[in-house]
Amino acid sequence: MRAREVPHVMAGRSLQGRRSKRHHQNDLASLRGLAVLLVLSAAVRLARTASLHFDSAS
């Protein structure tokens, strides 16, 4: 292997590392979005339940 080829190989590895990091960040963003949706839907269900109990108690 020639000395000039080594940086290209190293650059390819770091590029793969960057892509992997980006994919990991995208996965984390998707999980955060899913967590937000779950919390919001639980809050809506809780509000509905509370309003039903409030109406039935009146």
PDB file of N, CA and C in Angstrom:
ATOM      1  N   MET A   1       0.853  -1.171   0.000  1.00  0.00           N
ATOM      2  CA  MET A   1       0.000   0.000   0.000  1.00  0.00           C
ATOM      3  C   MET A   1       0.896   1.229   0.000  1.00  0.00           C
ATOM      4  N   ARG A   2       0.535   2.205  -0.804  1.00  0.00           N
ATOM      5  CA  ARG A   2       1.309   3.445  -0.872  1.00  0.00           C
ATOM      6  C   ARG A   2       0.892   4.380   0.252  1.00  0.00           C
ATOM      7  N   ALA A   3       1.795   5.259   0.619  1.00  0.00           N
ATOM      8  CA  ALA A   3       1.543   6.185   1.725  1.00  0.00           C
ATOM      9  C   ALA A   3       0.387   7.128   1.409  1.00  0.00           C
ATOM     10  N   ARG A   4       0.188   7.439   0.123  1.00  0.00           N
ATOM     11  CA  ARG A   4      -0.893   8.359  -0.241  1.00  0.00           C
ATOM     12  C   ARG A   4      -2.271   7.734  -0.024  1.00  0.00           C
ATOM     13  N   GLU A   5      -2.366   6.431  -0.024  1.00  0.00           N
ATOM     14  CA  GLU A   5      -3.657   5.765   0.114  1.00  0.00           C
ATOM     15  C   GLU A   5      -4.144   5.726   1.563  1.00  0.00           C
ATOM     16  N   VAL A   6      -3.263   5.810   2.510  1.00  0.00           N
ATOM     17  CA  VAL A   6      -3.640   5.699   3.916  1.00  0.00           C
ATOM     18  C   VAL A   6      -4.631   6.779   4.337  1.00  0.00           C
ATOM     19  N   PRO A   7      -4.412   8.084   4.005  1.00  0.00           N
ATOM     20  CA  PRO A   7      -5.406   9.088   4.427  1.00  0.00           C
ATOM     21  C   PRO A   7      -6.791   8.828   3.852  1.00  0.00           C
ATOM     22  N   HIS A   8      -6.856   8.282   2.628  1.00  0.00           N
ATOM     23  CA  HIS A   8      -8.162   8.006   2.044  1.00  0.00           C
ATOM     24  C   HIS A   8      -8.895   6.929   2.831  1.00  0.00           C
ATOM     25  N   VAL A   9      -8.169   5.913   3.229  1.00  0.00           N
ATOM     26  CA  VAL A   9      -8.768   4.845   4.018  1.00  0.00           C
ATOM     27  C   VAL A   9      -9.225   5.407   5.360  1.00  0.00           C
ATOM     28  N   MET A  10      -8.384   6.200   5.974  1.00  0.00           N
ATOM     29  CA  MET A  10      -8.726   6.804   7.262  1.00  0.00           C
ATOM     30  C   MET A  10      -9.920   7.740   7.102  1.00  0.00           C
ATOM     31  N   ALA A  11      -9.948   8.511   6.016  1.00  0.00           N
ATOM     32  CA  ALA A  11     -11.064   9.430   5.783  1.00  0.00           C
ATOM     33  C   ALA A  11     -12.358   8.642   5.588  1.00  0.00           C
ATOM     34  N   GLY A  12     -12.287   7.514   4.903  1.00  0.00           N
ATOM     35  CA  GLY A  12     -13.470   6.686   4.715  1.00  0.00           C
ATOM     36  C   GLY A  12     -14.014   6.171   6.023  1.00  0.00           C
ATOM     37  N   ARG A  13     -13.124   5.795   6.913  1.00  0.00           N
ATOM     38  CA  ARG A  13     -13.560   5.305   8.223  1.00  0.00           C
ATOM     39  C   ARG A  13     -14.196   6.416   9.034  1.00  0.00           C
ATOM     40  N   SER A  14     -13.601   7.594   9.002  1.00  0.00           N
ATOM     41  CA  SER A  14     -14.181   8.686   9.780  1.00  0.00           C
ATOM     42  C   SER A  14     -15.511   9.115   9.178  1.00  0.00           C
ATOM     43  N   LEU A  15     -15.621   9.027   7.851  1.00  0.00           N
ATOM     44  CA  LEU A  15     -16.894   9.356   7.206  1.00  0.00           C
ATOM     45  C   LEU A  15     -17.962   8.363   7.636  1.00  0.00           C
ATOM     46  N   GLN A  16     -17.623   7.083   7.695  1.00  0.00           N
ATOM     47  CA  GLN A  16     -18.582   6.085   8.168  1.00  0.00           C
ATOM     48  C   GLN A  16     -18.959   6.356   9.611  1.00  0.00           C
ATOM     49  N   GLY A  17     -17.990   6.765  10.420  1.00  0.00           N
ATOM     50  CA  GLY A  17     -18.273   7.097  11.813  1.00  0.00           C
ATOM     51  C   GLY A  17     -19.230   8.263  11.917  1.00  0.00           C
ATOM     52  N   ARG A  18     -19.032   9.272  11.059  1.00  0.00           N
ATOM     53  CA  ARG A  18     -19.927  10.431  11.066  1.00  0.00           C
ATOM     54  C   ARG A  18     -21.326  10.031  10.624  1.00  0.00           C
ATOM     55  N   ARG A  19     -21.419   9.193   9.609  1.00  0.00           N
ATOM     56  CA  ARG A  19     -22.739   8.730   9.150  1.00  0.00           C
ATOM     57  C   ARG A  19     -23.440   7.947  10.249  1.00  0.00           C
ATOM     58  N   SER A  20     -22.677   7.092  10.911  1.00  0.00           N
ATOM     59  CA  SER A  20     -23.250   6.298  11.992  1.00  0.00           C
ATOM     60  C   SER A  20     -23.741   7.206  13.110  1.00  0.00           C
ATOM     61  N   LYS A  21     -22.963   8.237  13.412  1.00  0.00           N
ATOM     62  CA  LYS A  21     -23.362   9.176  14.462  1.00  0.00           C
ATOM     63  C   LYS A  21     -24.640   9.913  14.054  1.00  0.00           C
ATOM     64  N   ARG A  22     -24.721  10.312  12.779  1.00  0.00           N
ATOM     65  CA  ARG A  22     -25.933  10.990  12.297  1.00  0.00           C
ATOM     66  C   ARG A  22     -27.143  10.080  12.383  1.00  0.00           C
ATOM     67  N   HIS A  23     -26.978   8.820  11.998  1.00  0.00           N
ATOM     68  CA  HIS A  23     -28.093   7.870  12.088  1.00  0.00           C
ATOM     69  C   HIS A  23     -28.509   7.683  13.540  1.00  0.00           C
ATOM     70  N   HIS A  24     -27.516   7.612  14.422  1.00  0.00           N
ATOM     71  CA  HIS A  24     -27.814   7.456  15.846  1.00  0.00           C
ATOM     72  C   HIS A  24     -28.583   8.672  16.358  1.00  0.00           C
ATOM     73  N   GLN A  25     -28.163   9.864  15.926  1.00  0.00           N
ATOM     74  CA  GLN A  25     -28.859  11.080  16.347  1.00  0.00           C
ATOM     75  C   GLN A  25     -30.278  11.108  15.793  1.00  0.00           C
ATOM     76  N   ASN A  26     -30.455  10.649  14.556  1.00  0.00           N
ATOM     77  CA  ASN A  26     -31.802  10.588  13.976  1.00  0.00           C
ATOM     78  C   ASN A  26     -32.679   9.609  14.744  1.00  0.00           C
ATOM     79  N   ASP A  27     -32.090   8.480  15.135  1.00  0.00           N
ATOM     80  CA  ASP A  27     -32.853   7.505  15.928  1.00  0.00           C
ATOM     81  C   ASP A  27     -33.259   8.097  17.269  1.00  0.00           C
ATOM     82  N   LEU A  28     -32.336   8.828  17.897  1.00  0.00           N
ATOM     83  CA  LEU A  28     -32.662   9.453  19.177  1.00  0.00           C
ATOM     84  C   LEU A  28     -33.751  10.498  19.007  1.00  0.00           C
ATOM     85  N   ALA A  29     -33.686  11.257  17.921  1.00  0.00           N
ATOM     86  CA  ALA A  29     -34.718  12.267  17.668  1.00  0.00           C
ATOM     87  C   ALA A  29     -36.070  11.597  17.456  1.00  0.00           C
ATOM     88  N   SER A  30     -36.080  10.470  16.759  1.00  0.00           N
ATOM     89  CA  SER A  30     -37.328   9.738  16.548  1.00  0.00           C
ATOM     90  C   SER A  30     -37.883   9.216  17.872  1.00  0.00           C
ATOM     91  N   LEU A  31     -37.003   8.709  18.716  1.00  0.00           N
ATOM     92  CA  LEU A  31     -37.452   8.214  20.016  1.00  0.00           C
ATOM     93  C   LEU A  31     -37.991   9.348  20.882  1.00  0.00           C
ATOM     94  N   ARG A  32     -37.333  10.500  20.819  1.00  0.00           N
ATOM     95  CA  ARG A  32     -37.829  11.656  21.586  1.00  0.00           C
ATOM     96  C   ARG A  32     -39.210  12.056  21.080  1.00  0.00           C
ATOM     97  N   GLY A  33     -39.374  12.078  19.763  1.00  0.00           N
ATOM     98  CA  GLY A  33     -40.677  12.421  19.190  1.00  0.00           C
ATOM     99  C   GLY A  33     -41.743  11.435  19.616  1.00  0.00           C
ATOM    100  N   LEU A  34     -41.402  10.162  19.627  1.00  0.00           N
ATOM    101  CA  LEU A  34     -42.348   9.137  20.056  1.00  0.00           C
ATOM    102  C   LEU A  34     -42.696   9.312  21.535  1.00  0.00           C
ATOM    103  N   ALA A  35     -41.700   9.624  22.353  1.00  0.00           N
ATOM    104  CA  ALA A  35     -41.951   9.839  23.779  1.00  0.00           C
ATOM    105  C   ALA A  35     -42.877  11.031  23.983  1.00  0.00           C
ATOM    106  N   VAL A  36     -42.670  12.094  23.210  1.00  0.00           N
ATOM    107  CA  VAL A  36     -43.536  13.277  23.323  1.00  0.00           C
ATOM    108  C   VAL A  36     -44.967  12.914  22.954  1.00  0.00           C
ATOM    109  N   LEU A  37     -45.140  12.162  21.879  1.00  0.00           N
ATOM    110  CA  LEU A  37     -46.485  11.756  21.471  1.00  0.00           C
ATOM    111  C   LEU A  37     -47.158  10.899  22.540  1.00  0.00           C
ATOM    112  N   LEU A  38     -46.408   9.996  23.140  1.00  0.00           N
ATOM    113  CA  LEU A  38     -46.978   9.144  24.195  1.00  0.00           C
ATOM    114  C   LEU A  38     -47.406   9.977  25.396  1.00  0.00           C
ATOM    115  N   VAL A  39     -46.579  10.930  25.783  1.00  0.00           N
ATOM    116  CA  VAL A  39     -46.917  11.781  26.929  1.00  0.00           C
ATOM    117  C   VAL A  39     -48.142  12.629  26.619  1.00  0.00           C
ATOM    118  N   LEU A  40     -48.184  13.194  25.414  1.00  0.00           N
ATOM    119  CA  LEU A  40     -49.335  14.028  25.046  1.00  0.00           C
ATOM    120  C   LEU A  40     -50.617  13.215  24.990  1.00  0.00           C
ATOM    121  N   SER A  41     -50.547  12.016  24.443  1.00  0.00           N
ATOM    122  CA  SER A  41     -51.761  11.206  24.370  1.00  0.00           C
ATOM    123  C   SER A  41     -52.210  10.779  25.767  1.00  0.00           C
ATOM    124  N   ALA A  42     -51.249  10.506  26.649  1.00  0.00           N
ATOM    125  CA  ALA A  42     -51.610  10.158  28.029  1.00  0.00           C
ATOM    126  C   ALA A  42     -52.240  11.359  28.726  1.00  0.00           C
ATOM    127  N   ALA A  43     -51.726  12.548  28.453  1.00  0.00           N
ATOM    128  CA  ALA A  43     -52.293  13.759  29.064  1.00  0.00           C
ATOM    129  C   ALA A  43     -53.717  13.991  28.585  1.00  0.00           C
ATOM    130  N   VAL A  44     -53.963  13.756  27.310  1.00  0.00           N
ATOM    131  CA  VAL A  44     -55.316  13.915  26.767  1.00  0.00           C
ATOM    132  C   VAL A  44     -56.260  12.905  27.404  1.00  0.00           C
ATOM    133  N   ARG A  45     -55.815  11.655  27.520  1.00  0.00           N
ATOM    134  CA  ARG A  45     -56.656  10.638  28.165  1.00  0.00           C
ATOM    135  C   ARG A  45     -56.946  10.987  29.609  1.00  0.00           C
ATOM    136  N   LEU A  46     -55.938  11.473  30.310  1.00  0.00           N
ATOM    137  CA  LEU A  46     -56.122  11.862  31.706  1.00  0.00           C
ATOM    138  C   LEU A  46     -57.101  13.027  31.823  1.00  0.00           C
ATOM    139  N   ALA A  47     -56.996  13.996  30.925  1.00  0.00           N
ATOM    140  CA  ALA A  47     -57.919  15.138  30.952  1.00  0.00           C
ATOM    141  C   ALA A  47     -59.351  14.691  30.661  1.00  0.00           C
ATOM    142  N   ARG A  48     -59.523  13.788  29.698  1.00  0.00           N
ATOM    143  CA  ARG A  48     -60.862  13.271  29.392  1.00  0.00           C
ATOM    144  C   ARG A  48     -61.450  12.537  30.588  1.00  0.00           C
ATOM    145  N   THR A  49     -60.633  11.689  31.199  1.00  0.00           N
ATOM    146  CA  THR A  49     -61.092  10.929  32.361  1.00  0.00           C
ATOM    147  C   THR A  49     -61.463  11.874  33.499  1.00  0.00           C
ATOM    148  N   ALA A  50     -60.633  12.880  33.721  1.00  0.00           N
ATOM    149  CA  ALA A  50     -60.908  13.831  34.795  1.00  0.00           C
ATOM    150  C   ALA A  50     -62.190  14.602  34.515  1.00  0.00           C
ATOM    151  N   SER A  51     -62.401  14.989  33.258  1.00  0.00           N
ATOM    152  CA  SER A  51     -63.625  15.756  32.944  1.00  0.00           C
ATOM    153  C   SER A  51     -64.858  14.855  33.066  1.00  0.00           C
ATOM    154  N   LEU A  52     -64.753  13.590  32.716  1.00  0.00           N
ATOM    155  CA  LEU A  52     -65.873  12.660  32.871  1.00  0.00           C
ATOM    156  C   LEU A  52     -66.204  12.473  34.343  1.00  0.00           C
ATOM    157  N   HIS A  53     -65.195  12.335  35.166  1.00  0.00           N
ATOM    158  CA  HIS A  53     -65.435  12.180  36.616  1.00  0.00           C
ATOM    159  C   HIS A  53     -66.008  13.465  37.204  1.00  0.00           C
ATOM    160  N   PHE A  54     -65.537  14.591  36.714  1.00  0.00           N
ATOM    161  CA  PHE A  54     -66.038  15.879  37.202  1.00  0.00           C
ATOM    162  C   PHE A  54     -67.504  16.057  36.817  1.00  0.00           C
ATOM    163  N   ASP A  55     -67.849  15.687  35.567  1.00  0.00           N
ATOM    164  CA  ASP A  55     -69.241  15.801  35.106  1.00  0.00           C
ATOM    165  C   ASP A  55     -70.161  14.856  35.872  1.00  0.00           C
ATOM    166  N   SER A  56     -69.689  13.646  36.116  1.00  0.00           N
ATOM    167  CA  SER A  56     -70.540  12.667  36.812  1.00  0.00           C
ATOM    168  C   SER A  56     -70.678  13.022  38.293  1.00  0.00           C
ATOM    169  N   ALA A  57     -69.711  13.717  38.867  1.00  0.00           N
ATOM    170  CA  ALA A  57     -69.789  14.109  40.273  1.00  0.00           C
ATOM    171  C   ALA A  57     -70.706  15.298  40.454  1.00  0.00           C
ATOM    172  N   SER A  58     -70.922  16.079  39.413  1.00  0.00           N
ATOM    173  CA  SER A  58     -71.779  17.293  39.540  1.00  0.00           C
ATOM    174  C   SER A  58     -73.242  16.952  39.531  1.00  0.00           C
TER     175      SER A  58
END
